[in-house]
């Protein structure tokens, strides 16, 4: 066995080790990227659903607290119209 064959075997062994580590970290990076993308998707959908719920609560609250509209549309509106200009 001459020195060229020994060097060739060492280089092949080192290339196999290098190939293993590049593959390992490549797969690790792709997995981390996939997990981060999934978490970002879940976060965006959660924020969107929360925004929709808050808008719904705001709409219901503004409708519930619209006292003038409720009073003027009830049977008290004729009484209020006679006594004041509240329901104009």
PDB file of N, CA and C in Angstrom:
ATOM      1  N   UNK A   1       0.852  -1.172   0.000  1.00  0.00           N
ATOM      2  CA  UNK A   1       0.000   0.000   0.000  1.00  0.00           C
ATOM      3  C   UNK A   1       0.898   1.236   0.000  1.00  0.00           C
ATOM      4  N   UNK A   2       0.707   2.057  -0.984  1.00  0.00           N
ATOM      5  CA  UNK A   2       1.551   3.249  -1.038  1.00  0.00           C
ATOM      6  C   UNK A   2       0.844   4.429  -0.364  1.00  0.00           C
ATOM      7  N   UNK A   3       1.545   5.529  -0.306  1.00  0.00           N
ATOM      8  CA  UNK A   3       1.045   6.693   0.427  1.00  0.00           C
ATOM      9  C   UNK A   3      -0.172   7.316  -0.247  1.00  0.00           C
ATOM     10  N   UNK A   4      -0.281   7.202  -1.559  1.00  0.00           N
ATOM     11  CA  UNK A   4      -1.446   7.766  -2.260  1.00  0.00           C
ATOM     12  C   UNK A   4      -2.734   7.050  -1.852  1.00  0.00           C
ATOM     13  N   UNK A   5      -2.653   5.740  -1.715  1.00  0.00           N
ATOM     14  CA  UNK A   5      -3.837   4.985  -1.315  1.00  0.00           C
ATOM     15  C   UNK A   5      -4.232   5.300   0.128  1.00  0.00           C
ATOM     16  N   UNK A   6      -3.238   5.474   0.984  1.00  0.00           N
ATOM     17  CA  UNK A   6      -3.516   5.818   2.379  1.00  0.00           C
ATOM     18  C   UNK A   6      -4.175   7.192   2.467  1.00  0.00           C
ATOM     19  N   UNK A   7      -3.644   8.147   1.733  1.00  0.00           N
ATOM     20  CA  UNK A   7      -4.223   9.508   1.716  1.00  0.00           C
ATOM     21  C   UNK A   7      -5.631   9.470   1.131  1.00  0.00           C
ATOM     22  N   UNK A   8      -5.824   8.664   0.082  1.00  0.00           N
ATOM     23  CA  UNK A   8      -7.144   8.541  -0.535  1.00  0.00           C
ATOM     24  C   UNK A   8      -8.153   7.967   0.457  1.00  0.00           C
ATOM     25  N   UNK A   9      -7.790   6.949   1.212  1.00  0.00           N
ATOM     26  CA  UNK A   9      -8.692   6.371   2.212  1.00  0.00           C
ATOM     27  C   UNK A   9      -9.014   7.370   3.314  1.00  0.00           C
ATOM     28  N   UNK A  10      -8.018   8.153   3.731  1.00  0.00           N
ATOM     29  CA  UNK A  10      -8.252   9.178   4.758  1.00  0.00           C
ATOM     30  C   UNK A  10      -9.213  10.243   4.234  1.00  0.00           C
ATOM     31  N   UNK A  11      -8.996  10.645   2.988  1.00  0.00           N
ATOM     32  CA  UNK A  11      -9.881  11.664   2.396  1.00  0.00           C
ATOM     33  C   UNK A  11     -11.309  11.139   2.248  1.00  0.00           C
ATOM     34  N   UNK A  12     -11.447   9.885   1.839  1.00  0.00           N
ATOM     35  CA  UNK A  12     -12.784   9.305   1.706  1.00  0.00           C
ATOM     36  C   UNK A  12     -13.461   9.243   3.066  1.00  0.00           C
ATOM     37  N   UNK A  13     -12.730   8.842   4.094  1.00  0.00           N
ATOM     38  CA  UNK A  13     -13.287   8.780   5.451  1.00  0.00           C
ATOM     39  C   UNK A  13     -13.700  10.172   5.926  1.00  0.00           C
ATOM     40  N   UNK A  14     -12.855  11.159   5.695  1.00  0.00           N
ATOM     41  CA  UNK A  14     -13.184  12.532   6.097  1.00  0.00           C
ATOM     42  C   UNK A  14     -14.386  13.063   5.324  1.00  0.00           C
ATOM     43  N   UNK A  15     -14.486  12.703   4.052  1.00  0.00           N
ATOM     44  CA  UNK A  15     -15.637  13.148   3.259  1.00  0.00           C
ATOM     45  C   UNK A  15     -16.927  12.498   3.759  1.00  0.00           C
ATOM     46  N   UNK A  16     -16.859  11.241   4.178  1.00  0.00           N
ATOM     47  CA  UNK A  16     -18.036  10.581   4.733  1.00  0.00           C
ATOM     48  C   UNK A  16     -18.475  11.259   6.024  1.00  0.00           C
ATOM     49  N   UNK A  17     -17.511  11.596   6.873  1.00  0.00           N
ATOM     50  CA  UNK A  17     -17.831  12.299   8.124  1.00  0.00           C
ATOM     51  C   UNK A  17     -18.420  13.673   7.826  1.00  0.00           C
ATOM     52  N   UNK A  18     -17.816  14.390   6.913  1.00  0.00           N
ATOM     53  CA  UNK A  18     -18.301  15.719   6.529  1.00  0.00           C
ATOM     54  C   UNK A  18     -19.704  15.622   5.932  1.00  0.00           C
ATOM     55  N   UNK A  19     -19.926  14.624   5.094  1.00  0.00           N
ATOM     56  CA  UNK A  19     -21.240  14.423   4.490  1.00  0.00           C
ATOM     57  C   UNK A  19     -22.294  14.145   5.561  1.00  0.00           C
ATOM     58  N   UNK A  20     -21.946  13.335   6.554  1.00  0.00           N
ATOM     59  CA  UNK A  20     -22.875  13.052   7.646  1.00  0.00           C
ATOM     60  C   UNK A  20     -23.257  14.336   8.376  1.00  0.00           C
ATOM     61  N   UNK A  21     -22.279  15.161   8.742  1.00  0.00           N
ATOM     62  CA  UNK A  21     -22.577  16.369   9.509  1.00  0.00           C
ATOM     63  C   UNK A  21     -23.350  17.406   8.693  1.00  0.00           C
ATOM     64  N   UNK A  22     -23.029  17.523   7.432  1.00  0.00           N
ATOM     65  CA  UNK A  22     -23.773  18.459   6.572  1.00  0.00           C
ATOM     66  C   UNK A  22     -25.221  17.992   6.442  1.00  0.00           C
ATOM     67  N   UNK A  23     -25.426  16.701   6.257  1.00  0.00           N
ATOM     68  CA  UNK A  23     -26.782  16.161   6.157  1.00  0.00           C
ATOM     69  C   UNK A  23     -27.536  16.340   7.475  1.00  0.00           C
ATOM     70  N   UNK A  24     -26.870  16.047   8.580  1.00  0.00           N
ATOM     71  CA  UNK A  24     -27.495  16.171   9.897  1.00  0.00           C
ATOM     72  C   UNK A  24     -27.951  17.599  10.162  1.00  0.00           C
ATOM     73  N   UNK A  25     -27.046  18.566   9.965  1.00  0.00           N
ATOM     74  CA  UNK A  25     -27.422  19.952  10.227  1.00  0.00           C
ATOM     75  C   UNK A  25     -28.396  20.491   9.182  1.00  0.00           C
ATOM     76  N   UNK A  26     -28.340  19.991   7.967  1.00  0.00           N
ATOM     77  CA  UNK A  26     -29.311  20.386   6.948  1.00  0.00           C
ATOM     78  C   UNK A  26     -30.714  19.955   7.318  1.00  0.00           C
ATOM     79  N   UNK A  27     -30.849  18.700   7.757  1.00  0.00           N
ATOM     80  CA  UNK A  27     -32.159  18.187   8.174  1.00  0.00           C
ATOM     81  C   UNK A  27     -32.642  18.935   9.416  1.00  0.00           C
ATOM     82  N   UNK A  28     -31.730  19.191  10.335  1.00  0.00           N
ATOM     83  CA  UNK A  28     -32.080  19.936  11.542  1.00  0.00           C
ATOM     84  C   UNK A  28     -32.574  21.342  11.189  1.00  0.00           C
ATOM     85  N   UNK A  29     -31.909  22.003  10.262  1.00  0.00           N
ATOM     86  CA  UNK A  29     -32.310  23.348   9.841  1.00  0.00           C
ATOM     87  C   UNK A  29     -33.682  23.319   9.170  1.00  0.00           C
ATOM     88  N   UNK A  30     -33.909  22.354   8.293  1.00  0.00           N
ATOM     89  CA  UNK A  30     -35.208  22.267   7.606  1.00  0.00           C
ATOM     90  C   UNK A  30     -36.326  21.971   8.607  1.00  0.00           C
ATOM     91  N   UNK A  31     -36.057  21.102   9.580  1.00  0.00           N
ATOM     92  CA  UNK A  31     -37.065  20.799  10.598  1.00  0.00           C
ATOM     93  C   UNK A  31     -37.369  22.033  11.448  1.00  0.00           C
ATOM     94  N   UNK A  32     -36.326  22.771  11.833  1.00  0.00           N
ATOM     95  CA  UNK A  32     -36.538  23.992  12.623  1.00  0.00           C
ATOM     96  C   UNK A  32     -37.314  25.025  11.820  1.00  0.00           C
ATOM     97  N   UNK A  33     -37.014  25.126  10.542  1.00  0.00           N
ATOM     98  CA  UNK A  33     -37.724  26.071   9.677  1.00  0.00           C
ATOM     99  C   UNK A  33     -39.198  25.681   9.539  1.00  0.00           C
ATOM    100  N   UNK A  34     -39.466  24.384   9.417  1.00  0.00           N
ATOM    101  CA  UNK A  34     -40.850  23.920   9.314  1.00  0.00           C
ATOM    102  C   UNK A  34     -41.611  24.188  10.617  1.00  0.00           C
ATOM    103  N   UNK A  35     -40.982  23.928  11.739  1.00  0.00           N
ATOM    104  CA  UNK A  35     -41.630  24.181  13.031  1.00  0.00           C
ATOM    105  C   UNK A  35     -41.893  25.669  13.224  1.00  0.00           C
ATOM    106  N   UNK A  36     -40.910  26.501  12.870  1.00  0.00           N
ATOM    107  CA  UNK A  36     -41.089  27.949  13.003  1.00  0.00           C
ATOM    108  C   UNK A  36     -42.209  28.443  12.085  1.00  0.00           C
ATOM    109  N   UNK A  37     -42.289  27.911  10.872  1.00  0.00           N
ATOM    110  CA  UNK A  37     -43.369  28.290   9.956  1.00  0.00           C
ATOM    111  C   UNK A  37     -44.727  27.890  10.485  1.00  0.00           C
ATOM    112  N   UNK A  38     -44.829  26.687  11.039  1.00  0.00           N
ATOM    113  CA  UNK A  38     -46.090  26.224  11.612  1.00  0.00           C
ATOM    114  C   UNK A  38     -46.501  27.089  12.799  1.00  0.00           C
ATOM    115  N   UNK A  39     -45.543  27.408  13.668  1.00  0.00           N
ATOM    116  CA  UNK A  39     -45.848  28.242  14.830  1.00  0.00           C
ATOM    117  C   UNK A  39     -46.274  29.655  14.393  1.00  0.00           C
ATOM    118  N   UNK A  40     -45.640  30.180  13.363  1.00  0.00           N
ATOM    119  CA  UNK A  40     -46.023  31.496  12.847  1.00  0.00           C
ATOM    120  C   UNK A  40     -47.441  31.453  12.289  1.00  0.00           C
ATOM    121  N   UNK A  41     -47.772  30.386  11.563  1.00  0.00           N
ATOM    122  CA  UNK A  41     -49.126  30.227  11.028  1.00  0.00           C
ATOM    123  C   UNK A  41     -50.153  30.171  12.158  1.00  0.00           C
ATOM    124  N   UNK A  42     -49.866  29.374  13.194  1.00  0.00           N
ATOM    125  CA  UNK A  42     -50.794  29.272  14.319  1.00  0.00           C
ATOM    126  C   UNK A  42     -50.948  30.615  15.027  1.00  0.00           C
ATOM    127  N   UNK A  43     -49.856  31.355  15.161  1.00  0.00           N
ATOM    128  CA  UNK A  43     -49.915  32.651  15.831  1.00  0.00           C
ATOM    129  C   UNK A  43     -50.766  33.631  15.021  1.00  0.00           C
ATOM    130  N   UNK A  44     -50.583  33.663  13.709  1.00  0.00           N
ATOM    131  CA  UNK A  44     -51.347  34.585  12.864  1.00  0.00           C
ATOM    132  C   UNK A  44     -52.827  34.239  12.900  1.00  0.00           C
ATOM    133  N   UNK A  45     -53.170  32.948  12.825  1.00  0.00           N
ATOM    134  CA  UNK A  45     -54.582  32.577  12.874  1.00  0.00           C
ATOM    135  C   UNK A  45     -55.185  32.879  14.246  1.00  0.00           C
ATOM    136  N   UNK A  46     -54.410  32.692  15.312  1.00  0.00           N
ATOM    137  CA  UNK A  46     -54.903  33.006  16.658  1.00  0.00           C
ATOM    138  C   UNK A  46     -55.167  34.500  16.806  1.00  0.00           C
ATOM    139  N   UNK A  47     -54.246  35.326  16.308  1.00  0.00           N
ATOM    140  CA  UNK A  47     -54.429  36.782  16.387  1.00  0.00           C
ATOM    141  C   UNK A  47     -55.641  37.209  15.564  1.00  0.00           C
ATOM    142  N   UNK A  48     -55.818  36.595  14.399  1.00  0.00           N
ATOM    143  CA  UNK A  48     -56.970  36.940  13.556  1.00  0.00           C
ATOM    144  C   UNK A  48     -58.287  36.562  14.245  1.00  0.00           C
ATOM    145  N   UNK A  49     -58.344  35.374  14.846  1.00  0.00           N
ATOM    146  CA  UNK A  49     -59.558  34.959  15.555  1.00  0.00           C
ATOM    147  C   UNK A  49     -59.835  35.862  16.751  1.00  0.00           C
ATOM    148  N   UNK A  50     -58.780  36.257  17.452  1.00  0.00           N
ATOM    149  CA  UNK A  50     -58.952  37.153  18.592  1.00  0.00           C
ATOM    150  C   UNK A  50     -59.468  38.508  18.140  1.00  0.00           C
ATOM    151  N   UNK A  51     -58.949  38.988  17.020  1.00  0.00           N
ATOM    152  CA  UNK A  51     -59.418  40.265  16.479  1.00  0.00           C
ATOM    153  C   UNK A  51     -60.904  40.180  16.110  1.00  0.00           C
ATOM    154  N   UNK A  52     -61.304  39.068  15.494  1.00  0.00           N
ATOM    155  CA  UNK A  52     -62.713  38.898  15.132  1.00  0.00           C
ATOM    156  C   UNK A  52     -63.602  38.857  16.376  1.00  0.00           C
ATOM    157  N   UNK A  53     -63.140  38.176  17.416  1.00  0.00           N
ATOM    158  CA  UNK A  53     -63.928  38.107  18.657  1.00  0.00           C
ATOM    159  C   UNK A  53     -64.060  39.484  19.292  1.00  0.00           C
ATOM    160  N   UNK A  54     -62.976  40.238  19.302  1.00  0.00           N
ATOM    161  CA  UNK A  54     -63.037  41.581  19.895  1.00  0.00           C
ATOM    162  C   UNK A  54     -63.966  42.492  19.108  1.00  0.00           C
ATOM    163  N   UNK A  55     -63.927  42.394  17.785  1.00  0.00           N
ATOM    164  CA  UNK A  55     -64.851  43.194  16.973  1.00  0.00           C
ATOM    165  C   UNK A  55     -66.297  42.787  17.254  1.00  0.00           C
ATOM    166  N   UNK A  56     -66.527  41.497  17.420  1.00  0.00           N
ATOM    167  CA  UNK A  56     -67.875  41.006  17.722  1.00  0.00           C
ATOM    168  C   UNK A  56     -68.348  41.532  19.074  1.00  0.00           C
ATOM    169  N   UNK A  57     -67.469  41.478  20.061  1.00  0.00           N
ATOM    170  CA  UNK A  57     -67.818  41.990  21.397  1.00  0.00           C
ATOM    171  C   UNK A  57     -68.064  43.495  21.332  1.00  0.00           C
ATOM    172  N   UNK A  58     -67.233  44.207  20.566  1.00  0.00           N
ATOM    173  CA  UNK A  58     -67.406  45.647  20.443  1.00  0.00           C
ATOM    174  C   UNK A  58     -68.743  45.984  19.786  1.00  0.00           C
ATOM    175  N   UNK A  59     -69.106  45.244  18.759  1.00  0.00           N
ATOM    176  CA  UNK A  59     -70.383  45.483  18.083  1.00  0.00           C
ATOM    177  C   UNK A  59     -71.555  45.208  19.019  1.00  0.00           C
ATOM    178  N   UNK A  60     -71.496  44.082  19.714  1.00  0.00           N
ATOM    179  CA  UNK A  60     -72.582  43.751  20.650  1.00  0.00           C
ATOM    180  C   UNK A  60     -72.680  44.779  21.766  1.00  0.00           C
ATOM    181  N   UNK A  61     -71.530  45.227  22.262  1.00  0.00           N
ATOM    182  CA  UNK A  61     -71.530  46.209  23.347  1.00  0.00           C
ATOM    183  C   UNK A  61     -72.087  47.539  22.877  1.00  0.00           C
ATOM    184  N   UNK A  62     -71.697  47.971  21.679  1.00  0.00           N
ATOM    185  CA  UNK A  62     -72.205  49.259  21.193  1.00  0.00           C
ATOM    186  C   UNK A  62     -73.707  49.177  20.935  1.00  0.00           C
ATOM    187  N   UNK A  63     -74.187  48.017  20.490  1.00  0.00           N
ATOM    188  CA  UNK A  63     -75.631  47.870  20.284  1.00  0.00           C
ATOM    189  C   UNK A  63     -76.364  47.834  21.618  1.00  0.00           C
ATOM    190  N   UNK A  64     -75.788  47.197  22.609  1.00  0.00           N
ATOM    191  CA  UNK A  64     -76.422  47.105  23.923  1.00  0.00           C
ATOM    192  C   UNK A  64     -76.437  48.454  24.618  1.00  0.00           C
ATOM    193  N   UNK A  65     -75.379  49.236  24.444  1.00  0.00           N
ATOM    194  CA  UNK A  65     -75.268  50.508  25.140  1.00  0.00           C
ATOM    195  C   UNK A  65     -75.894  51.678  24.379  1.00  0.00           C
ATOM    196  N   UNK A  66     -76.514  51.421  23.252  1.00  0.00           N
ATOM    197  CA  UNK A  66     -77.167  52.485  22.487  1.00  0.00           C
ATOM    198  C   UNK A  66     -78.535  52.757  23.107  1.00  0.00           C
ATOM    199  N   UNK A  67     -78.521  53.475  24.207  1.00  0.00           N
ATOM    200  CA  UNK A  67     -79.736  53.715  25.005  1.00  0.00           C
ATOM    201  C   UNK A  67     -80.726  54.578  24.233  1.00  0.00           C
ATOM    202  N   UNK A  68     -80.220  55.563  23.530  1.00  0.00           N
ATOM    203  CA  UNK A  68     -81.119  56.451  22.800  1.00  0.00           C
ATOM    204  C   UNK A  68     -81.923  55.669  21.755  1.00  0.00           C
ATOM    205  N   UNK A  69     -81.270  54.822  21.017  1.00  0.00           N
ATOM    206  CA  UNK A  69     -81.974  54.038  19.998  1.00  0.00           C
ATOM    207  C   UNK A  69     -82.966  53.082  20.638  1.00  0.00           C
ATOM    208  N   UNK A  70     -82.607  52.474  21.744  1.00  0.00           N
ATOM    209  CA  UNK A  70     -83.519  51.547  22.411  1.00  0.00           C
ATOM    210  C   UNK A  70     -84.733  52.269  22.976  1.00  0.00           C
ATOM    211  N   UNK A  71     -84.518  53.444  23.556  1.00  0.00           N
ATOM    212  CA  UNK A  71     -85.642  54.188  24.121  1.00  0.00           C
ATOM    213  C   UNK A  71     -86.565  54.714  23.027  1.00  0.00           C
ATOM    214  N   UNK A  72     -85.981  55.201  21.962  1.00  0.00           N
ATOM    215  CA  UNK A  72     -86.801  55.791  20.902  1.00  0.00           C
ATOM    216  C   UNK A  72     -87.541  54.738  20.091  1.00  0.00           C
ATOM    217  N   UNK A  73     -87.060  53.507  20.095  1.00  0.00           N
ATOM    218  CA  UNK A  73     -87.764  52.453  19.355  1.00  0.00           C
ATOM    219  C   UNK A  73     -88.748  51.696  20.242  1.00  0.00           C
ATOM    220  N   UNK A  74     -88.784  52.011  21.498  1.00  0.00           N
ATOM    221  CA  UNK A  74     -89.705  51.303  22.402  1.00  0.00           C
ATOM    222  C   UNK A  74     -91.039  52.051  22.489  1.00  0.00           C
ATOM    223  N   UNK A  75     -91.884  51.568  23.345  1.00  0.00           N
ATOM    224  CA  UNK A  75     -93.199  52.204  23.519  1.00  0.00           C
ATOM    225  C   UNK A  75     -93.085  53.534  24.250  1.00  0.00           C
ATOM    226  N   UNK A  76     -91.945  53.811  24.845  1.00  0.00           N
ATOM    227  CA  UNK A  76     -91.753  55.080  25.537  1.00  0.00           C
ATOM    228  C   UNK A  76     -91.453  56.225  24.573  1.00  0.00           C
ATOM    229  N   UNK A  77     -91.284  55.918  23.302  1.00  0.00           N
ATOM    230  CA  UNK A  77     -90.890  56.966  22.360  1.00  0.00           C
ATOM    231  C   UNK A  77     -91.957  58.053  22.226  1.00  0.00           C
ATOM    232  N   UNK A  78     -93.217  57.683  22.252  1.00  0.00           N
ATOM    233  CA  UNK A  78     -94.263  58.704  22.152  1.00  0.00           C
ATOM    234  C   UNK A  78     -94.253  59.610  23.375  1.00  0.00           C
ATOM    235  N   UNK A  79     -93.985  59.048  24.526  1.00  0.00           N
ATOM    236  CA  UNK A  79     -93.905  59.841  25.753  1.00  0.00           C
ATOM    237  C   UNK A  79     -92.687  60.778  25.693  1.00  0.00           C
ATOM    238  N   UNK A  80     -91.583  60.254  25.209  1.00  0.00           N
ATOM    239  CA  UNK A  80     -90.376  61.074  25.116  1.00  0.00           C
ATOM    240  C   UNK A  80     -90.527  62.168  24.064  1.00  0.00           C
ATOM    241  N   UNK A  81     -91.212  61.889  22.989  1.00  0.00           N
ATOM    242  CA  UNK A  81     -91.406  62.890  21.943  1.00  0.00           C
ATOM    243  C   UNK A  81     -92.275  64.041  22.444  1.00  0.00           C
ATOM    244  N   UNK A  82     -93.230  63.738  23.299  1.00  0.00           N
ATOM    245  CA  UNK A  82     -94.091  64.791  23.815  1.00  0.00           C
ATOM    246  C   UNK A  82     -93.339  65.672  24.816  1.00  0.00           C
ATOM    247  N   UNK A  83     -92.508  65.059  25.634  1.00  0.00           N
ATOM    248  CA  UNK A  83     -91.889  65.826  26.716  1.00  0.00           C
ATOM    249  C   UNK A  83     -90.556  66.467  26.329  1.00  0.00           C
ATOM    250  N   UNK A  84     -89.892  65.944  25.305  1.00  0.00           N
ATOM    251  CA  UNK A  84     -88.587  66.539  24.958  1.00  0.00           C
ATOM    252  C   UNK A  84     -88.270  66.267  23.485  1.00  0.00           C
ATOM    253  N   UNK A  85     -87.158  66.786  23.066  1.00  0.00           N
ATOM    254  CA  UNK A  85     -86.684  66.570  21.701  1.00  0.00           C
ATOM    255  C   UNK A  85     -85.630  65.467  21.660  1.00  0.00           C
ATOM    256  N   UNK A  86     -85.728  64.521  22.533  1.00  0.00           N
ATOM    257  CA  UNK A  86     -84.682  63.497  22.672  1.00  0.00           C
ATOM    258  C   UNK A  86     -84.644  62.553  21.475  1.00  0.00           C
ATOM    259  N   UNK A  87     -85.780  62.189  20.897  1.00  0.00           N
ATOM    260  CA  UNK A  87     -85.835  61.184  19.835  1.00  0.00           C
ATOM    261  C   UNK A  87     -85.917  61.776  18.443  1.00  0.00           C
ATOM    262  N   UNK A  88     -85.329  62.915  18.225  1.00  0.00           N
ATOM    263  CA  UNK A  88     -85.356  63.503  16.874  1.00  0.00           C
ATOM    264  C   UNK A  88     -84.217  63.040  16.042  1.00  0.00           C
TER     265      UNK A  88
END
